[in-house]
PDB file of N, CA and C in Angstrom:
ATOM      1  N   MET A   1      16.774 -22.280  47.612  1.00  0.00           N
ATOM      2  CA  MET A   1      17.133 -21.438  46.479  1.00  0.00           C
ATOM      3  C   MET A   1      17.260 -19.998  46.938  1.00  0.00           C
ATOM      4  N   SER A   2      18.212 -19.332  46.343  1.00  0.00           N
ATOM      5  CA  SER A   2      18.445 -17.956  46.692  1.00  0.00           C
ATOM      6  C   SER A   2      17.811 -17.023  45.658  1.00  0.00           C
ATOM      7  N   ASP A   3      17.378 -15.861  46.093  1.00  0.00           N
ATOM      8  CA  ASP A   3      16.801 -14.886  45.196  1.00  0.00           C
ATOM      9  C   ASP A   3      17.867 -14.078  44.466  1.00  0.00           C
ATOM     10  N   ASN A   4      19.079 -14.196  44.886  1.00  0.00           N
ATOM     11  CA  ASN A   4      20.183 -13.490  44.268  1.00  0.00           C
ATOM     12  C   ASN A   4      20.615 -14.182  43.002  1.00  0.00           C
ATOM     13  N   PRO A   5      20.770 -13.433  41.888  1.00  0.00           N
ATOM     14  CA  PRO A   5      21.212 -14.071  40.640  1.00  0.00           C
ATOM     15  C   PRO A   5      22.663 -14.518  40.743  1.00  0.00           C
ATOM     16  N   THR A   6      22.969 -15.555  40.033  1.00  0.00           N
ATOM     17  CA  THR A   6      24.344 -16.073  40.018  1.00  0.00           C
ATOM     18  C   THR A   6      25.190 -15.194  39.074  1.00  0.00           C
ATOM     19  N   ILE A   7      26.465 -15.391  39.149  1.00  0.00           N
ATOM     20  CA  ILE A   7      27.382 -14.639  38.284  1.00  0.00           C
ATOM     21  C   ILE A   7      27.115 -14.970  36.818  1.00  0.00           C
ATOM     22  N   ASP A   8      26.816 -16.225  36.528  1.00  0.00           N
ATOM     23  CA  ASP A   8      26.501 -16.627  35.141  1.00  0.00           C
ATOM     24  C   ASP A   8      25.232 -15.947  34.628  1.00  0.00           C
ATOM     25  N   GLN A   9      24.223 -15.852  35.508  1.00  0.00           N
ATOM     26  CA  GLN A   9      22.971 -15.197  35.076  1.00  0.00           C
ATOM     27  C   GLN A   9      23.184 -13.716  34.808  1.00  0.00           C
ATOM     28  N   VAL A  10      23.981 -13.063  35.670  1.00  0.00           N
ATOM     29  CA  VAL A  10      24.258 -11.641  35.479  1.00  0.00           C
ATOM     30  C   VAL A  10      25.042 -11.442  34.196  1.00  0.00           C
ATOM     31  N   ALA A  11      26.023 -12.281  33.924  1.00  0.00           N
ATOM     32  CA  ALA A  11      26.825 -12.193  32.722  1.00  0.00           C
ATOM     33  C   ALA A  11      25.947 -12.395  31.463  1.00  0.00           C
ATOM     34  N   ALA A  12      25.031 -13.382  31.515  1.00  0.00           N
ATOM     35  CA  ALA A  12      24.140 -13.648  30.412  1.00  0.00           C
ATOM     36  C   ALA A  12      23.227 -12.453  30.137  1.00  0.00           C
ATOM     37  N   GLU A  13      22.724 -11.837  31.188  1.00  0.00           N
ATOM     38  CA  GLU A  13      21.850 -10.666  31.036  1.00  0.00           C
ATOM     39  C   GLU A  13      22.636  -9.498  30.441  1.00  0.00           C
ATOM     40  N   GLU A  14      23.878  -9.331  30.830  1.00  0.00           N
ATOM     41  CA  GLU A  14      24.696  -8.259  30.296  1.00  0.00           C
ATOM     42  C   GLU A  14      24.960  -8.487  28.794  1.00  0.00           C
ATOM     43  N   VAL A  15      25.209  -9.744  28.419  1.00  0.00           N
ATOM     44  CA  VAL A  15      25.437 -10.048  27.016  1.00  0.00           C
ATOM     45  C   VAL A  15      24.169  -9.762  26.222  1.00  0.00           C
ATOM     46  N   GLU A  16      23.032 -10.170  26.691  1.00  0.00           N
ATOM     47  CA  GLU A  16      21.738  -9.900  26.010  1.00  0.00           C
ATOM     48  C   GLU A  16      21.501  -8.414  25.913  1.00  0.00           C
ATOM     49  N   SER A  17      21.770  -7.665  26.949  1.00  0.00           N
ATOM     50  CA  SER A  17      21.601  -6.220  26.953  1.00  0.00           C
ATOM     51  C   SER A  17      22.558  -5.574  25.937  1.00  0.00           C
ATOM     52  N   SER A  18      23.761  -6.091  25.856  1.00  0.00           N
ATOM     53  CA  SER A  18      24.731  -5.557  24.900  1.00  0.00           C
ATOM     54  C   SER A  18      24.280  -5.831  23.462  1.00  0.00           C
ATOM     55  N   LYS A  19      23.731  -7.041  23.195  1.00  0.00           N
ATOM     56  CA  LYS A  19      23.238  -7.397  21.866  1.00  0.00           C
ATOM     57  C   LYS A  19      22.108  -6.460  21.480  1.00  0.00           C
ATOM     58  N   LEU A  20      21.203  -6.240  22.390  1.00  0.00           N
ATOM     59  CA  LEU A  20      20.049  -5.349  22.140  1.00  0.00           C
ATOM     60  C   LEU A  20      20.551  -3.947  21.803  1.00  0.00           C
ATOM     61  N   GLU A  21      21.442  -3.449  22.605  1.00  0.00           N
ATOM     62  CA  GLU A  21      21.987  -2.117  22.361  1.00  0.00           C
ATOM     63  C   GLU A  21      22.688  -2.017  21.030  1.00  0.00           C
ATOM     64  N   THR A  22      23.424  -3.056  20.683  1.00  0.00           N
ATOM     65  CA  THR A  22      24.130  -3.073  19.369  1.00  0.00           C
ATOM     66  C   THR A  22      23.105  -3.073  18.256  1.00  0.00           C
ATOM     67  N   ASN A  23      22.053  -3.893  18.372  1.00  0.00           N
ATOM     68  CA  ASN A  23      21.041  -3.953  17.323  1.00  0.00           C
ATOM     69  C   ASN A  23      20.278  -2.652  17.184  1.00  0.00           C
ATOM     70  N   LEU A  24      19.997  -1.996  18.318  1.00  0.00           N
ATOM     71  CA  LEU A  24      19.296  -0.714  18.286  1.00  0.00           C
ATOM     72  C   LEU A  24      20.119   0.381  17.642  1.00  0.00           C
ATOM     73  N   LYS A  25      21.401   0.286  17.769  1.00  0.00           N
ATOM     74  CA  LYS A  25      22.283   1.308  17.200  1.00  0.00           C
ATOM     75  C   LYS A  25      22.756   0.989  15.797  1.00  0.00           C
ATOM     76  N   SER A  26      22.373  -0.181  15.289  1.00  0.00           N
ATOM     77  CA  SER A  26      22.838  -0.635  13.980  1.00  0.00           C
ATOM     78  C   SER A  26      22.158   0.154  12.846  1.00  0.00           C
ATOM     79  N   ARG A  27      22.973   0.813  12.054  1.00  0.00           N
ATOM     80  CA  ARG A  27      22.465   1.546  10.877  1.00  0.00           C
ATOM     81  C   ARG A  27      21.838   0.584   9.887  1.00  0.00           C
ATOM     82  N   ALA A  28      22.415  -0.583   9.742  1.00  0.00           N
ATOM     83  CA  ALA A  28      21.885  -1.579   8.789  1.00  0.00           C
ATOM     84  C   ALA A  28      20.471  -2.010   9.170  1.00  0.00           C
ATOM     85  N   THR A  29      20.207  -2.151  10.449  1.00  0.00           N
ATOM     86  CA  THR A  29      18.870  -2.559  10.900  1.00  0.00           C
ATOM     87  C   THR A  29      17.854  -1.480  10.565  1.00  0.00           C
ATOM     88  N   TRP A  30      18.203  -0.229  10.795  1.00  0.00           N
ATOM     89  CA  TRP A  30      17.258   0.866  10.496  1.00  0.00           C
ATOM     90  C   TRP A  30      17.115   1.085   9.010  1.00  0.00           C
ATOM     91  N   MET A  31      18.153   0.846   8.219  1.00  0.00           N
ATOM     92  CA  MET A  31      18.033   0.925   6.773  1.00  0.00           C
ATOM     93  C   MET A  31      17.115  -0.187   6.271  1.00  0.00           C
ATOM     94  N   ARG A  32      17.225  -1.348   6.873  1.00  0.00           N
ATOM     95  CA  ARG A  32      16.359  -2.471   6.507  1.00  0.00           C
ATOM     96  C   ARG A  32      14.902  -2.081   6.749  1.00  0.00           C
ATOM     97  N   LEU A  33      14.615  -1.450   7.862  1.00  0.00           N
ATOM     98  CA  LEU A  33      13.249  -1.001   8.151  1.00  0.00           C
ATOM     99  C   LEU A  33      12.763  -0.022   7.104  1.00  0.00           C
ATOM    100  N   LEU A  34      13.620   0.897   6.690  1.00  0.00           N
ATOM    101  CA  LEU A  34      13.239   1.862   5.659  1.00  0.00           C
ATOM    102  C   LEU A  34      12.874   1.139   4.352  1.00  0.00           C
ATOM    103  N   PHE A  35      13.771   0.212   3.933  1.00  0.00           N
ATOM    104  CA  PHE A  35      13.494  -0.547   2.719  1.00  0.00           C
ATOM    105  C   PHE A  35      12.252  -1.410   2.846  1.00  0.00           C
ATOM    106  N   MET A  36      12.023  -1.976   4.013  1.00  0.00           N
ATOM    107  CA  MET A  36      10.822  -2.790   4.225  1.00  0.00           C
ATOM    108  C   MET A  36       9.571  -1.930   4.088  1.00  0.00           C
ATOM    109  N   ALA A  37       9.596  -0.711   4.595  1.00  0.00           N
ATOM    110  CA  ALA A  37       8.450   0.197   4.486  1.00  0.00           C
ATOM    111  C   ALA A  37       8.220   0.551   2.997  1.00  0.00           C
ATOM    112  N   LEU A  38       9.291   0.841   2.276  1.00  0.00           N
ATOM    113  CA  LEU A  38       9.154   1.160   0.863  1.00  0.00           C
ATOM    114  C   LEU A  38       8.614  -0.019   0.081  1.00  0.00           C
ATOM    115  N   PHE A  39       9.140  -1.199   0.341  1.00  0.00           N
ATOM    116  CA  PHE A  39       8.657  -2.384  -0.390  1.00  0.00           C
ATOM    117  C   PHE A  39       7.236  -2.748   0.028  1.00  0.00           C
ATOM    118  N   GLY A  40       6.833  -2.401   1.243  1.00  0.00           N
ATOM    119  CA  GLY A  40       5.447  -2.557   1.632  1.00  0.00           C
ATOM    120  C   GLY A  40       4.524  -1.723   0.784  1.00  0.00           C
ATOM    121  N   LEU A  41       4.949  -0.490   0.472  1.00  0.00           N
ATOM    122  CA  LEU A  41       4.174   0.373  -0.437  1.00  0.00           C
ATOM    123  C   LEU A  41       4.176  -0.186  -1.857  1.00  0.00           C
ATOM    124  N   PHE A  42       5.362  -0.645  -2.292  1.00  0.00           N
ATOM    125  CA  PHE A  42       5.486  -1.190  -3.643  1.00  0.00           C
ATOM    126  C   PHE A  42       4.602  -2.397  -3.874  1.00  0.00           C
ATOM    127  N   ILE A  43       4.529  -3.274  -2.853  1.00  0.00           N
ATOM    128  CA  ILE A  43       3.710  -4.497  -3.037  1.00  0.00           C
ATOM    129  C   ILE A  43       2.226  -4.146  -3.074  1.00  0.00           C
ATOM    130  N   SER A  44       1.822  -3.098  -2.341  1.00  0.00           N
ATOM    131  CA  SER A  44       0.436  -2.659  -2.391  1.00  0.00           C
ATOM    132  C   SER A  44       0.114  -2.091  -3.797  1.00  0.00           C
ATOM    133  N   PHE A  45       1.023  -1.293  -4.312  1.00  0.00           N
ATOM    134  CA  PHE A  45       0.828  -0.750  -5.661  1.00  0.00           C
ATOM    135  C   PHE A  45       0.814  -1.838  -6.698  1.00  0.00           C
ATOM    136  N   ALA A  46       1.727  -2.803  -6.563  1.00  0.00           N
ATOM    137  CA  ALA A  46       1.788  -3.925  -7.528  1.00  0.00           C
ATOM    138  C   ALA A  46       0.491  -4.731  -7.456  1.00  0.00           C
ATOM    139  N   GLY A  47      -0.059  -4.880  -6.252  1.00  0.00           N
ATOM    140  CA  GLY A  47      -1.323  -5.608  -6.100  1.00  0.00           C
ATOM    141  C   GLY A  47      -2.466  -4.920  -6.834  1.00  0.00           C
ATOM    142  N   MET A  48      -2.475  -3.590  -6.750  1.00  0.00           N
ATOM    143  CA  MET A  48      -3.526  -2.826  -7.467  1.00  0.00           C
ATOM    144  C   MET A  48      -3.368  -2.994  -8.974  1.00  0.00           C
ATOM    145  N   ILE A  49      -2.132  -2.923  -9.462  1.00  0.00           N
ATOM    146  CA  ILE A  49      -1.902  -3.097 -10.898  1.00  0.00           C
ATOM    147  C   ILE A  49      -2.256  -4.536 -11.302  1.00  0.00           C
ATOM    148  N   GLY A  50      -1.903  -5.488 -10.445  1.00  0.00           N
ATOM    149  CA  GLY A  50      -2.271  -6.886 -10.718  1.00  0.00           C
ATOM    150  C   GLY A  50      -3.762  -7.081 -10.843  1.00  0.00           C
ATOM    151  N   THR A  51      -4.499  -6.416  -9.991  1.00  0.00           N
ATOM    152  CA  THR A  51      -5.973  -6.492 -10.031  1.00  0.00           C
ATOM    153  C   THR A  51      -6.496  -5.936 -11.365  1.00  0.00           C
ATOM    154  N   VAL A  52      -5.938  -4.834 -11.821  1.00  0.00           N
ATOM    155  CA  VAL A  52      -6.352  -4.271 -13.133  1.00  0.00           C
ATOM    156  C   VAL A  52      -6.005  -5.286 -14.255  1.00  0.00           C
ATOM    157  N   ILE A  53      -4.857  -5.918 -14.189  1.00  0.00           N
ATOM    158  CA  ILE A  53      -4.462  -6.895 -15.203  1.00  0.00           C
ATOM    159  C   ILE A  53      -5.434  -8.075 -15.198  1.00  0.00           C
ATOM    160  N   VAL A  54      -5.841  -8.540 -14.010  1.00  0.00           N
ATOM    161  CA  VAL A  54      -6.783  -9.651 -13.889  1.00  0.00           C
ATOM    162  C   VAL A  54      -8.120  -9.296 -14.557  1.00  0.00           C
ATOM    163  N   VAL A  55      -8.603  -8.089 -14.259  1.00  0.00           N
ATOM    164  CA  VAL A  55      -9.902  -7.659 -14.802  1.00  0.00           C
ATOM    165  C   VAL A  55      -9.800  -7.518 -16.330  1.00  0.00           C
ATOM    166  N   LEU A  56      -8.749  -6.892 -16.800  1.00  0.00           N
ATOM    167  CA  LEU A  56      -8.560  -6.766 -18.261  1.00  0.00           C
ATOM    168  C   LEU A  56      -8.467  -8.131 -18.932  1.00  0.00           C
ATOM    169  N   GLY A  57      -7.696  -9.029 -18.293  1.00  0.00           N
ATOM    170  CA  GLY A  57      -7.567 -10.387 -18.824  1.00  0.00           C
ATOM    171  C   GLY A  57      -8.877 -11.120 -18.929  1.00  0.00           C
ATOM    172  N   PHE A  58      -9.697 -10.964 -17.895  1.00  0.00           N
ATOM    173  CA  PHE A  58     -10.991 -11.608 -17.906  1.00  0.00           C
ATOM    174  C   PHE A  58     -11.851 -11.060 -19.033  1.00  0.00           C
ATOM    175  N   PHE A  59     -11.925  -9.743 -19.161  1.00  0.00           N
ATOM    176  CA  PHE A  59     -12.751  -9.166 -20.238  1.00  0.00           C
ATOM    177  C   PHE A  59     -12.197  -9.517 -21.623  1.00  0.00           C
ATOM    178  N   TRP A  60     -10.889  -9.651 -21.729  1.00  0.00           N
ATOM    179  CA  TRP A  60     -10.291 -10.041 -23.010  1.00  0.00           C
ATOM    180  C   TRP A  60     -10.785 -11.444 -23.403  1.00  0.00           C
ATOM    181  N   VAL A  61     -10.740 -12.368 -22.426  1.00  0.00           N
ATOM    182  CA  VAL A  61     -11.227 -13.728 -22.688  1.00  0.00           C
ATOM    183  C   VAL A  61     -12.723 -13.731 -22.941  1.00  0.00           C
ATOM    184  N   LEU A  62     -13.461 -12.917 -22.204  1.00  0.00           N
ATOM    185  CA  LEU A  62     -14.898 -12.884 -22.365  1.00  0.00           C
ATOM    186  C   LEU A  62     -15.268 -12.409 -23.770  1.00  0.00           C
ATOM    187  N   PHE A  63     -14.603 -11.402 -24.314  1.00  0.00           N
ATOM    188  CA  PHE A  63     -14.972 -10.835 -25.622  1.00  0.00           C
ATOM    189  C   PHE A  63     -14.278 -11.487 -26.794  1.00  0.00           C
ATOM    190  N   THR A  64     -13.084 -12.090 -26.596  1.00  0.00           N
ATOM    191  CA  THR A  64     -12.371 -12.671 -27.732  1.00  0.00           C
ATOM    192  C   THR A  64     -12.319 -14.188 -27.693  1.00  0.00           C
ATOM    193  N   GLY A  65     -12.510 -14.733 -26.494  1.00  0.00           N
ATOM    194  CA  GLY A  65     -12.439 -16.223 -26.373  1.00  0.00           C
ATOM    195  C   GLY A  65     -11.037 -16.754 -26.278  1.00  0.00           C
ATOM    196  N   GLU A  66     -10.041 -15.879 -26.219  1.00  0.00           N
ATOM    197  CA  GLU A  66      -8.656 -16.360 -26.107  1.00  0.00           C
ATOM    198  C   GLU A  66      -7.878 -15.531 -25.080  1.00  0.00           C
ATOM    199  N   VAL A  67      -6.804 -16.112 -24.591  1.00  0.00           N
ATOM    200  CA  VAL A  67      -5.964 -15.457 -23.584  1.00  0.00           C
ATOM    201  C   VAL A  67      -5.059 -14.435 -24.275  1.00  0.00           C
ATOM    202  N   ASN A  68      -4.943 -13.259 -23.680  1.00  0.00           N
ATOM    203  CA  ASN A  68      -4.013 -12.254 -24.202  1.00  0.00           C
ATOM    204  C   ASN A  68      -2.640 -12.528 -23.631  1.00  0.00           C
ATOM    205  N   ARG A  69      -1.704 -12.953 -24.482  1.00  0.00           N
ATOM    206  CA  ARG A  69      -0.364 -13.360 -24.043  1.00  0.00           C
ATOM    207  C   ARG A  69       0.403 -12.195 -23.406  1.00  0.00           C
ATOM    208  N   GLU A  70       0.193 -10.992 -23.880  1.00  0.00           N
ATOM    209  CA  GLU A  70       0.886  -9.849 -23.296  1.00  0.00           C
ATOM    210  C   GLU A  70       0.425  -9.561 -21.865  1.00  0.00           C
ATOM    211  N   LEU A  71      -0.885  -9.600 -21.646  1.00  0.00           N
ATOM    212  CA  LEU A  71      -1.423  -9.432 -20.300  1.00  0.00           C
ATOM    213  C   LEU A  71      -0.961 -10.581 -19.380  1.00  0.00           C
ATOM    214  N   GLN A  72      -0.891 -11.759 -19.936  1.00  0.00           N
ATOM    215  CA  GLN A  72      -0.398 -12.908 -19.184  1.00  0.00           C
ATOM    216  C   GLN A  72       1.056 -12.708 -18.780  1.00  0.00           C
ATOM    217  N   ARG A  73       1.870 -12.202 -19.671  1.00  0.00           N
ATOM    218  CA  ARG A  73       3.281 -11.971 -19.393  1.00  0.00           C
ATOM    219  C   ARG A  73       3.447 -10.856 -18.340  1.00  0.00           C
ATOM    220  N   ILE A  74       2.665  -9.787 -18.452  1.00  0.00           N
ATOM    221  CA  ILE A  74       2.733  -8.709 -17.468  1.00  0.00           C
ATOM    222  C   ILE A  74       2.275  -9.215 -16.094  1.00  0.00           C
ATOM    223  N   GLY A  75       1.197 -10.000 -16.095  1.00  0.00           N
ATOM    224  CA  GLY A  75       0.724 -10.589 -14.847  1.00  0.00           C
ATOM    225  C   GLY A  75       1.760 -11.462 -14.163  1.00  0.00           C
ATOM    226  N   GLN A  76       2.445 -12.262 -14.983  1.00  0.00           N
ATOM    227  CA  GLN A  76       3.498 -13.111 -14.430  1.00  0.00           C
ATOM    228  C   GLN A  76       4.652 -12.290 -13.852  1.00  0.00           C
ATOM    229  N   ALA A  77       5.018 -11.206 -14.533  1.00  0.00           N
ATOM    230  CA  ALA A  77       6.098 -10.354 -14.046  1.00  0.00           C
ATOM    231  C   ALA A  77       5.696  -9.711 -12.698  1.00  0.00           C
ATOM    232  N   ILE A  78       4.466  -9.240 -12.607  1.00  0.00           N
ATOM    233  CA  ILE A  78       4.006  -8.612 -11.361  1.00  0.00           C
ATOM    234  C   ILE A  78       3.958  -9.661 -10.230  1.00  0.00           C
ATOM    235  N   ALA A  79       3.504 -10.881 -10.533  1.00  0.00           N
ATOM    236  CA  ALA A  79       3.467 -11.943  -9.528  1.00  0.00           C
ATOM    237  C   ALA A  79       4.867 -12.290  -9.060  1.00  0.00           C
ATOM    238  N   SER A  80       5.803 -12.364  -9.973  1.00  0.00           N
ATOM    239  CA  SER A  80       7.217 -12.643  -9.628  1.00  0.00           C
ATOM    240  C   SER A  80       7.804 -11.537  -8.793  1.00  0.00           C
ATOM    241  N   TYR A  81       7.483 -10.296  -9.131  1.00  0.00           N
ATOM    242  CA  TYR A  81       7.973  -9.145  -8.358  1.00  0.00           C
ATOM    243  C   TYR A  81       7.418  -9.169  -6.949  1.00  0.00           C
ATOM    244  N   MET A  82       6.114  -9.445  -6.813  1.00  0.00           N
ATOM    245  CA  MET A  82       5.527  -9.503  -5.492  1.00  0.00           C
ATOM    246  C   MET A  82       6.147 -10.636  -4.666  1.00  0.00           C
ATOM    247  N   TYR A  83       6.452 -11.753  -5.316  1.00  0.00           N
ATOM    248  CA  TYR A  83       7.096 -12.865  -4.623  1.00  0.00           C
ATOM    249  C   TYR A  83       8.493 -12.432  -4.101  1.00  0.00           C
ATOM    250  N   GLU A  84       9.243 -11.739  -4.936  1.00  0.00           N
ATOM    251  CA  GLU A  84      10.563 -11.250  -4.513  1.00  0.00           C
ATOM    252  C   GLU A  84      10.439 -10.296  -3.317  1.00  0.00           C
ATOM    253  N   ILE A  85       9.431  -9.449  -3.341  1.00  0.00           N
ATOM    254  CA  ILE A  85       9.215  -8.526  -2.222  1.00  0.00           C
ATOM    255  C   ILE A  85       8.876  -9.296  -0.943  1.00  0.00           C
ATOM    256  N   VAL A  86       7.994 -10.255  -1.034  1.00  0.00           N
ATOM    257  CA  VAL A  86       7.606 -11.033   0.150  1.00  0.00           C
ATOM    258  C   VAL A  86       8.819 -11.762   0.701  1.00  0.00           C
ATOM    259  N   ARG A  87       9.653 -12.318  -0.167  1.00  0.00           N
ATOM    260  CA  ARG A  87      10.866 -12.991   0.302  1.00  0.00           C
ATOM    261  C   ARG A  87      11.773 -12.028   1.078  1.00  0.00           C
ATOM    262  N   TYR A  88      11.872 -10.805   0.598  1.00  0.00           N
ATOM    263  CA  TYR A  88      12.691  -9.798   1.282  1.00  0.00           C
ATOM    264  C   TYR A  88      12.052  -9.391   2.607  1.00  0.00           C
ATOM    265  N   LEU A  89      10.750  -9.140   2.592  1.00  0.00           N
ATOM    266  CA  LEU A  89      10.057  -8.713   3.799  1.00  0.00           C
ATOM    267  C   LEU A  89      10.054  -9.740   4.904  1.00  0.00           C
ATOM    268  N   THR A  90      10.086 -11.018   4.537  1.00  0.00           N
ATOM    269  CA  THR A  90      10.078 -12.091   5.523  1.00  0.00           C
ATOM    270  C   THR A  90      11.466 -12.596   5.870  1.00  0.00           C
ATOM    271  N   PHE A  91      12.484 -11.860   5.502  1.00  0.00           N
ATOM    272  CA  PHE A  91      13.870 -12.169   5.814  1.00  0.00           C
ATOM    273  C   PHE A  91      14.341 -13.507   5.214  1.00  0.00           C
ATOM    274  N   ASN A  92      13.737 -13.915   4.092  1.00  0.00           N
ATOM    275  CA  ASN A  92      14.175 -15.100   3.389  1.00  0.00           C
ATOM    276  C   ASN A  92      15.305 -14.802   2.433  1.00  0.00           C
ATOM    277  N   THR A  93      15.564 -13.512   2.184  1.00  0.00           N
ATOM    278  CA  THR A  93      16.689 -13.117   1.357  1.00  0.00           C
ATOM    279  C   THR A  93      17.125 -11.720   1.800  1.00  0.00           C
ATOM    280  N   GLU A  94      18.361 -11.422   1.554  1.00  0.00           N
ATOM    281  CA  GLU A  94      18.890 -10.066   1.790  1.00  0.00           C
ATOM    282  C   GLU A  94      18.923  -9.281   0.499  1.00  0.00           C
ATOM    283  N   ASP A  95      18.644  -9.947  -0.635  1.00  0.00           N
ATOM    284  CA  ASP A  95      18.676  -9.317  -1.944  1.00  0.00           C
ATOM    285  C   ASP A  95      17.455  -8.408  -2.093  1.00  0.00           C
ATOM    286  N   LYS A  96      17.694  -7.118  -2.323  1.00  0.00           N
ATOM    287  CA  LYS A  96      16.602  -6.187  -2.514  1.00  0.00           C
ATOM    288  C   LYS A  96      16.027  -6.349  -3.912  1.00  0.00           C
ATOM    289  N   PRO A  97      14.708  -6.370  -4.024  1.00  0.00           N
ATOM    290  CA  PRO A  97      14.071  -6.428  -5.339  1.00  0.00           C
ATOM    291  C   PRO A  97      14.244  -5.112  -6.117  1.00  0.00           C
ATOM    292  N   PHE A  98      13.802  -5.116  -7.354  1.00  0.00           N
ATOM    293  CA  PHE A  98      13.764  -3.942  -8.191  1.00  0.00           C
ATOM    294  C   PHE A  98      13.031  -2.831  -7.439  1.00  0.00           C
ATOM    295  N   PRO A  99      13.407  -1.617  -7.458  1.00  0.00           N
ATOM    296  CA  PRO A  99      14.475  -0.937  -8.195  1.00  0.00           C
ATOM    297  C   PRO A  99      15.765  -0.765  -7.409  1.00  0.00           C
ATOM    298  N   PHE A 100      15.860  -1.309  -6.182  1.00  0.00           N
ATOM    299  CA  PHE A 100      17.053  -1.129  -5.365  1.00  0.00           C
ATOM    300  C   PHE A 100      18.037  -2.256  -5.462  1.00  0.00           C
ATOM    301  N   GLY A 101      17.717  -3.310  -6.146  1.00  0.00           N
ATOM    302  CA  GLY A 101      18.601  -4.448  -6.207  1.00  0.00           C
ATOM    303  C   GLY A 101      18.575  -5.071  -7.569  1.00  0.00           C
ATOM    304  N   GLY A 102      17.790  -6.134  -7.680  1.00  0.00           N
ATOM    305  CA  GLY A 102      17.729  -6.892  -8.921  1.00  0.00           C
ATOM    306  C   GLY A 102      16.980  -6.176 -10.030  1.00  0.00           C
ATOM    307  N   ALA A 103      16.975  -6.865 -11.170  1.00  0.00           N
ATOM    308  CA  ALA A 103      16.269  -6.325 -12.345  1.00  0.00           C
ATOM    309  C   ALA A 103      14.787  -6.672 -12.248  1.00  0.00           C
ATOM    310  N   TRP A 104      13.984  -5.998 -13.040  1.00  0.00           N
ATOM    311  CA  TRP A 104      12.554  -6.298 -13.097  1.00  0.00           C
ATOM    312  C   TRP A 104      12.398  -7.733 -13.618  1.00  0.00           C
ATOM    313  N   PRO A 105      11.509  -8.545 -13.007  1.00  0.00           N
ATOM    314  CA  PRO A 105      11.320  -9.916 -13.465  1.00  0.00           C
ATOM    315  C   PRO A 105      10.885  -9.991 -14.932  1.00  0.00           C
ATOM    316  N   SER A 106      11.307 -11.039 -15.590  1.00  0.00           N
ATOM    317  CA  SER A 106      11.092 -11.153 -17.033  1.00  0.00           C
ATOM    318  C   SER A 106       9.628 -11.371 -17.412  1.00  0.00           C
ATOM    319  N   GLY A 107       8.844 -12.015 -16.578  1.00  0.00           N
ATOM    320  CA  GLY A 107       7.453 -12.284 -16.901  1.00  0.00           C
ATOM    321  C   GLY A 107       7.301 -13.494 -17.802  1.00  0.00           C
ATOM    322  N   GLU A 108       8.338 -14.324 -17.889  1.00  0.00           N
ATOM    323  CA  GLU A 108       8.273 -15.529 -18.710  1.00  0.00           C
ATOM    324  C   GLU A 108       7.301 -16.508 -18.115  1.00  0.00           C
ATOM    325  N   THR A 109       6.376 -17.021 -18.929  1.00  0.00           N
ATOM    326  CA  THR A 109       5.383 -17.972 -18.475  1.00  0.00           C
ATOM    327  C   THR A 109       5.845 -19.387 -18.808  1.00  0.00           C
ATOM    328  N   LYS A 110       5.095 -20.391 -18.325  1.00  0.00           N
ATOM    329  CA  LYS A 110       5.437 -21.789 -18.617  1.00  0.00           C
ATOM    330  C   LYS A 110       5.425 -22.074 -20.115  1.00  0.00           C
ATOM    331  N   GLU A 111       4.513 -21.396 -20.804  1.00  0.00           N
ATOM    332  CA  GLU A 111       4.434 -21.606 -22.259  1.00  0.00           C
ATOM    333  C   GLU A 111       5.640 -21.036 -22.999  1.00  0.00           C
ATOM    334  N   ASP A 112       6.226 -19.978 -22.412  1.00  0.00           N
ATOM    335  CA  ASP A 112       7.410 -19.355 -23.038  1.00  0.00           C
ATOM    336  C   ASP A 112       8.662 -20.188 -22.823  1.00  0.00           C
ATOM    337  N   ALA A 113       8.708 -20.935 -21.745  1.00  0.00           N
ATOM    338  CA  ALA A 113       9.932 -21.718 -21.393  1.00  0.00           C
ATOM    339  C   ALA A 113      10.160 -22.900 -22.281  1.00  0.00           C
TER     340      ALA A 113
END
């Protein structure tokens, strides 16, 4: 075996290098990073709001004995929004969630359907 790379190996390395250079210079890739950072902040904020909704919902049930449908609807909307963000962040969709793409999730629960 020779230590010298073959012509095919050199060509393959040049193609890979060219792909990397193209990706590094791609405006779309860097914009995606910006949106991913923003949605990372949004999902953290949504998680905090979701936690408040969970606590309020628990105390509502504790004091009234029944589920607050409005809190349930808001909780469902936040959960759906967080799901949309995770799908975007994990490259399962190119569709940007609210406010840069789709509408705010409806918050429709199984009982509403």
